[in-house]
Amino acid sequence: MLGKEVCRQLSNKGATVLRAGRASDSDIVVDLSADASPVFTKPFEAEVLIHCAAAFGDNSHDGVLENIRVNISGCAKVIKIERQAHVEKIVYAGSVSSYPEPGYGAMTSYGFSKAEAERILDWHTMIHGKQFCSLRFGQLWDTEGRCCAHQPWFGRIIAYASRGLPLNMPPASGPRNFMHISDAANLLIEAADSRLQGIHAACHPTDVDMHDLARAAYVVYGKGGRVSIDANKPPFRKVTFHHGDALFKELGVYPKISLPWGVTLIRDASTSESFGPLDVD
């Protein structure tokens, strides 16, 4: 989702974009979860490598193994691409989940694996005289509904509000933080085009309560239905979102799309049917 938006924006700026991924028509065919080495379809060099790929496994045994295999071990393939293409800078789409959360429970295996990836890539670029930076985003969303794979409750809110169905939600232990992929991609590109190095908080300036978001979505769609809070449901996990104000100031770029406006964008794009699921554990 994010990688496609980065490619689109770079192409619109007139940059030459080389795509690396599992699709057979990629310029570099690579699967971070497999043993095979990256396959270059032709020789080329690149100035910057923007790394957006990740596994989103949970804390189960299989989820931990998936995160280790893709997010950590997969760095070996990223480094191989960087070396073969003579890349001078790696820009990484990090996660707010990689910040320690004292008092909120242990870091998830996803956040841990993303933090380890940052350490590996930072170390590698440092010893080779290259540059590395990571932007730690919160929750990313889009207008087409591709975000639902990783943001099921966001997808469920849009699905229920657009259909006028009653929605029972868990209680909230704290707010959430969403950024549209167009804003996130723009930040990655600006970071690539700057001298920015190191790890940076990149969450949207405004947090949102999930219940308020749901109520706003019902108002936008105006199809009836209501939002209720079920105290028997496990509450949304508390997370501290590290806002990217310092990053935005340094890059001179600020997020443009607010979440309330975003719900209207989804409605007007007639993509609501792509959002879901109607049931979330």
Protein backbone atom coordinates (compact mmCIF):
# COMPACT_ATOMS: atom_id res chain seq x y z
CA MET A 1 0.00 0.00 0.00
CA LEU A 2 2.63 2.54 1.06
CA GLY A 3 5.20 1.46 -1.51
CA LYS A 4 2.76 1.93 -4.37
CA GLU A 5 2.01 5.47 -3.19
CA VAL A 6 5.73 6.27 -2.89
CA CYS A 7 6.23 5.06 -6.49
CA ARG A 8 3.28 7.12 -7.71
CA GLN A 9 4.48 10.34 -6.11
CA LEU A 10 8.08 9.87 -7.25
CA SER A 11 6.95 9.20 -10.82
CA ASN A 12 4.83 12.37 -10.75
CA LYS A 13 7.94 14.29 -9.70
CA GLY A 14 9.81 12.97 -12.75
CA ALA A 15 12.07 10.60 -10.84
CA THR A 16 13.16 7.26 -12.26
CA VAL A 17 11.55 4.64 -10.02
CA LEU A 18 12.74 1.05 -9.74
CA ARG A 19 10.36 -1.29 -7.94
CA ALA A 20 11.51 -4.14 -5.74
CA GLY A 21 8.99 -6.73 -4.62
CA ARG A 22 7.48 -10.18 -5.08
CA ALA A 23 5.57 -9.32 -8.27
CA SER A 24 7.12 -10.91 -11.34
CA ASP A 25 7.11 -7.58 -13.20
CA SER A 26 9.22 -5.84 -10.53
CA ASP A 27 12.56 -4.35 -11.56
CA ILE A 28 14.06 -6.35 -8.68
CA VAL A 29 12.20 -9.54 -7.85
CA VAL A 30 12.67 -10.23 -4.16
CA ASP A 31 10.74 -12.03 -1.43
CA LEU A 32 11.97 -11.07 2.03
CA SER A 33 10.52 -14.28 3.47
CA ALA A 34 12.25 -16.65 1.03
CA ASP A 35 15.80 -17.98 0.74
CA ALA A 36 16.32 -16.83 -2.86
CA SER A 37 18.52 -13.80 -3.51
CA PRO A 38 17.12 -10.66 -5.17
CA VAL A 39 17.03 -10.91 -8.98
CA PHE A 40 17.86 -7.74 -10.92
CA THR A 41 16.10 -7.69 -14.29
CA LYS A 42 18.86 -5.42 -15.61
CA PRO A 43 21.94 -3.66 -14.25
CA PHE A 44 21.26 -0.24 -12.74
CA GLU A 45 22.27 2.12 -9.93
CA ALA A 46 20.08 4.13 -7.56
CA GLU A 47 20.65 7.02 -5.19
CA VAL A 48 18.14 6.08 -2.50
CA LEU A 49 16.39 2.91 -1.37
CA ILE A 50 13.02 3.46 0.34
CA HIS A 51 12.15 0.33 2.34
CA CYS A 52 8.39 -0.04 2.96
CA ALA A 53 7.95 -3.81 3.11
CA ALA A 54 7.14 -5.61 6.37
CA ALA A 55 5.43 -8.57 7.97
CA PHE A 56 2.71 -7.79 10.52
CA GLY A 57 2.78 -10.97 12.58
CA ASP A 58 1.35 -11.12 16.09
CA ASN A 59 2.88 -12.52 19.28
CA SER A 60 1.94 -16.12 18.49
CA HIS A 61 4.72 -18.60 17.69
CA ASP A 62 4.04 -18.38 13.96
CA GLY A 63 3.71 -14.59 14.10
CA VAL A 64 7.05 -14.19 15.86
CA LEU A 65 8.77 -16.44 13.32
CA GLU A 66 7.21 -14.51 10.44
CA ASN A 67 8.39 -11.17 11.83
CA ILE A 68 11.91 -12.49 12.40
CA ARG A 69 12.09 -14.00 8.92
CA VAL A 70 10.77 -10.96 7.03
CA ASN A 71 11.54 -7.89 9.12
CA ILE A 72 14.88 -8.94 10.59
CA SER A 73 16.43 -11.61 8.36
CA GLY A 74 14.99 -9.86 5.32
CA CYS A 75 17.44 -7.01 5.95
CA ALA A 76 20.12 -9.20 4.36
CA LYS A 77 18.29 -8.95 1.04
CA VAL A 78 17.77 -5.20 1.48
CA ILE A 79 21.50 -4.80 2.08
CA LYS A 80 22.27 -6.91 -1.00
CA ILE A 81 20.11 -4.62 -3.14
CA GLU A 82 21.75 -1.54 -1.57
CA ARG A 83 25.23 -2.89 -2.32
CA GLN A 84 24.51 -4.03 -5.87
CA ALA A 85 22.74 -0.78 -6.83
CA HIS A 86 25.39 1.42 -5.11
CA VAL A 87 22.70 3.13 -3.03
CA GLU A 88 23.88 6.05 -0.90
CA LYS A 89 20.93 6.26 1.50
CA ILE A 90 18.31 3.93 2.95
CA VAL A 91 15.02 5.42 4.16
CA TYR A 92 12.92 3.08 6.28
CA ALA A 93 9.21 3.13 7.06
CA GLY A 94 9.43 2.37 10.77
CA SER A 95 6.69 1.95 13.35
CA VAL A 96 5.61 3.64 16.56
CA SER A 97 5.33 0.10 17.91
CA SER A 98 9.14 0.07 18.18
CA TYR A 99 9.11 2.52 21.09
CA PRO A 100 9.30 0.92 24.56
CA GLU A 101 6.00 1.22 26.43
CA PRO A 102 6.73 1.30 30.19
CA GLY A 103 3.63 0.32 32.12
CA TYR A 104 1.68 -0.71 29.00
CA GLY A 105 3.07 -4.22 28.63
CA ALA A 106 5.88 -5.68 26.57
CA MET A 107 6.67 -4.48 23.06
CA THR A 108 4.91 -6.56 20.39
CA SER A 109 6.98 -8.92 18.26
CA TYR A 110 6.16 -6.69 15.30
CA GLY A 111 7.53 -3.58 17.02
CA PHE A 112 10.58 -5.48 18.27
CA SER A 113 11.39 -6.85 14.81
CA LYS A 114 11.03 -3.41 13.20
CA ALA A 115 13.38 -1.92 15.81
CA GLU A 116 15.94 -4.67 15.13
CA ALA A 117 15.70 -3.93 11.41
CA GLU A 118 16.51 -0.29 12.14
CA ARG A 119 19.57 -1.32 14.14
CA ILE A 120 20.85 -3.60 11.38
CA LEU A 121 20.38 -1.07 8.59
CA ASP A 122 21.78 1.79 10.65
CA TRP A 123 24.86 -0.25 11.58
CA HIS A 124 25.42 -1.41 8.00
CA THR A 125 25.18 2.05 6.46
CA MET A 126 27.37 3.56 9.18
CA ILE A 127 30.29 1.17 8.64
CA HIS A 128 30.10 1.71 4.88
CA GLY A 129 29.88 5.51 5.02
CA LYS A 130 26.28 5.62 3.80
CA GLN A 131 23.18 7.29 5.29
CA PHE A 132 20.16 5.82 7.06
CA CYS A 133 16.98 7.26 8.51
CA SER A 134 13.75 5.77 9.78
CA LEU A 135 10.38 7.47 10.14
CA ARG A 136 8.30 5.79 12.83
CA PHE A 137 4.68 6.08 11.70
CA GLY A 138 1.50 5.34 13.60
CA GLN A 139 -1.48 3.77 11.84
CA LEU A 140 -1.66 4.31 8.08
CA TRP A 141 -4.87 4.40 6.07
CA ASP A 142 -5.90 4.95 2.47
CA THR A 143 -9.00 5.84 0.48
CA GLU A 144 -9.25 2.56 -1.45
CA GLY A 145 -9.52 0.17 1.52
CA ARG A 146 -6.17 -1.60 1.24
CA CYS A 147 -5.44 -0.52 4.82
CA CYS A 148 -8.10 -2.86 6.18
CA ALA A 149 -5.65 -5.78 6.22
CA HIS A 150 -3.70 -4.02 8.97
CA GLN A 151 -6.34 -1.64 10.38
CA PRO A 152 -9.43 -3.88 10.72
CA TRP A 153 -11.26 -1.61 13.16
CA PHE A 154 -10.83 1.39 10.89
CA GLY A 155 -12.20 -0.72 8.05
CA ARG A 156 -15.08 -1.91 10.18
CA ILE A 157 -16.08 1.65 11.16
CA ILE A 158 -16.27 2.70 7.50
CA ALA A 159 -18.11 -0.50 6.52
CA TYR A 160 -20.78 -0.14 9.22
CA ALA A 161 -21.25 3.62 8.89
CA SER A 162 -21.56 3.42 5.08
CA ARG A 163 -24.25 0.75 5.45
CA GLY A 164 -26.06 2.35 8.40
CA LEU A 165 -25.53 -0.72 10.59
CA PRO A 166 -25.33 -0.59 14.41
CA LEU A 167 -21.74 -0.93 15.64
CA ASN A 168 -20.68 -2.35 19.02
CA MET A 169 -17.14 -1.23 19.90
CA PRO A 170 -14.71 -2.13 22.69
CA PRO A 171 -13.84 0.46 25.32
CA ALA A 172 -10.72 2.55 24.65
CA SER A 173 -7.70 2.67 26.95
CA GLY A 174 -6.36 5.59 24.96
CA PRO A 175 -6.50 7.34 21.58
CA ARG A 176 -5.30 6.17 18.19
CA ASN A 177 -3.28 8.00 15.55
CA PHE A 178 -3.88 7.75 11.80
CA MET A 179 -2.02 9.23 8.84
CA HIS A 180 -3.06 9.01 5.19
CA ILE A 181 -0.60 7.16 2.97
CA SER A 182 -0.18 10.19 0.69
CA ASP A 183 1.18 12.19 3.64
CA ALA A 184 3.37 9.30 4.81
CA ALA A 185 4.79 8.75 1.32
CA ASN A 186 5.51 12.46 0.93
CA LEU A 187 7.43 12.44 4.22
CA LEU A 188 9.52 9.44 3.11
CA ILE A 189 10.36 11.17 -0.17
CA GLU A 190 11.28 14.43 1.54
CA ALA A 191 13.47 12.47 3.98
CA ALA A 192 15.17 10.77 1.04
CA ASP A 193 15.84 14.13 -0.59
CA SER A 194 17.33 15.63 2.59
CA ARG A 195 20.31 15.03 4.84
CA LEU A 196 18.08 13.58 7.53
CA GLN A 197 19.61 10.68 9.44
CA GLY A 198 18.64 8.63 12.49
CA ILE A 199 15.28 7.53 13.89
CA HIS A 200 12.42 10.02 14.00
CA ALA A 201 8.88 10.06 15.39
CA ALA A 202 6.43 10.56 12.55
CA CYS A 203 2.93 10.24 13.97
CA HIS A 204 0.17 12.61 12.88
CA PRO A 205 -0.09 15.79 15.01
CA THR A 206 -3.63 14.88 16.12
CA ASP A 207 -4.70 11.75 18.02
CA VAL A 208 -8.25 10.49 17.68
CA ASP A 209 -10.61 8.58 19.97
CA MET A 210 -11.95 5.58 18.05
CA HIS A 211 -15.47 6.16 19.33
CA ASP A 212 -15.40 9.79 18.20
CA LEU A 213 -14.11 8.65 14.80
CA ALA A 214 -16.97 6.18 14.49
CA ARG A 215 -19.59 8.76 15.47
CA ALA A 216 -18.13 11.23 12.95
CA ALA A 217 -18.27 8.57 10.23
CA TYR A 218 -21.97 7.95 10.93
CA VAL A 219 -22.61 11.68 10.58
CA VAL A 220 -20.68 11.84 7.29
CA TYR A 221 -22.64 8.95 5.76
CA GLY A 222 -26.00 9.89 7.30
CA LYS A 223 -27.52 6.43 6.75
CA GLY A 224 -28.65 5.77 10.30
CA GLY A 225 -27.27 3.23 12.72
CA ARG A 226 -25.56 4.00 15.98
CA VAL A 227 -22.36 3.41 17.94
CA SER A 228 -22.42 1.66 21.30
CA ILE A 229 -19.60 0.63 23.64
CA ASP A 230 -19.57 -2.97 24.88
CA ALA A 231 -17.76 -3.14 28.23
CA ASN A 232 -17.42 -6.92 27.83
CA LYS A 233 -15.12 -6.55 24.83
CA PRO A 234 -11.34 -6.36 25.47
CA PRO A 235 -10.40 -2.65 25.25
CA PHE A 236 -8.18 -1.20 22.56
CA ARG A 237 -4.57 -1.57 23.75
CA LYS A 238 -3.07 1.61 25.12
CA VAL A 239 -0.31 3.06 22.96
CA THR A 240 1.75 6.23 23.27
CA PHE A 241 1.93 7.95 19.89
CA HIS A 242 5.10 9.99 19.42
CA HIS A 243 4.11 12.95 17.30
CA GLY A 244 6.35 14.04 14.46
CA ASP A 245 6.29 17.80 15.06
CA ALA A 246 10.11 18.05 15.14
CA LEU A 247 10.38 15.97 11.96
CA PHE A 248 7.75 18.01 10.13
CA LYS A 249 9.54 21.23 11.07
CA GLU A 250 12.92 19.91 9.96
CA LEU A 251 11.62 18.72 6.59
CA GLY A 252 9.28 21.66 6.14
CA VAL A 253 6.44 19.25 5.35
CA TYR A 254 3.25 18.71 7.35
CA PRO A 255 0.41 16.17 6.95
CA LYS A 256 -2.41 17.63 4.87
CA ILE A 257 -5.27 15.15 5.28
CA SER A 258 -7.15 15.11 8.58
CA LEU A 259 -9.08 11.99 9.52
CA PRO A 260 -12.57 13.60 9.57
CA TRP A 261 -11.93 14.97 6.09
CA GLY A 262 -10.59 11.57 5.09
CA VAL A 263 -13.89 9.86 5.87
CA THR A 264 -15.55 12.30 3.49
CA LEU A 265 -12.91 11.48 0.85
CA ILE A 266 -13.74 7.78 1.17
CA ARG A 267 -17.46 8.49 0.84
CA ASP A 268 -16.98 10.73 -2.21
CA ALA A 269 -14.63 8.23 -3.86
CA SER A 270 -17.40 5.59 -3.65
CA THR A 271 -14.93 3.05 -2.26
CA SER A 272 -16.82 2.25 0.95
CA GLU A 273 -17.67 -1.26 -0.26
CA SER A 274 -13.95 -2.07 -0.16
CA PHE A 275 -13.83 -1.47 3.58
CA GLY A 276 -14.40 -4.08 6.25
CA PRO A 277 -14.50 -6.67 7.67
CA LEU A 278 -17.93 -6.68 9.23
CA ASP A 279 -16.59 -8.80 12.11
CA VAL A 280 -13.38 -8.16 14.06
CA ASP A 281 -12.01 -10.23 16.95
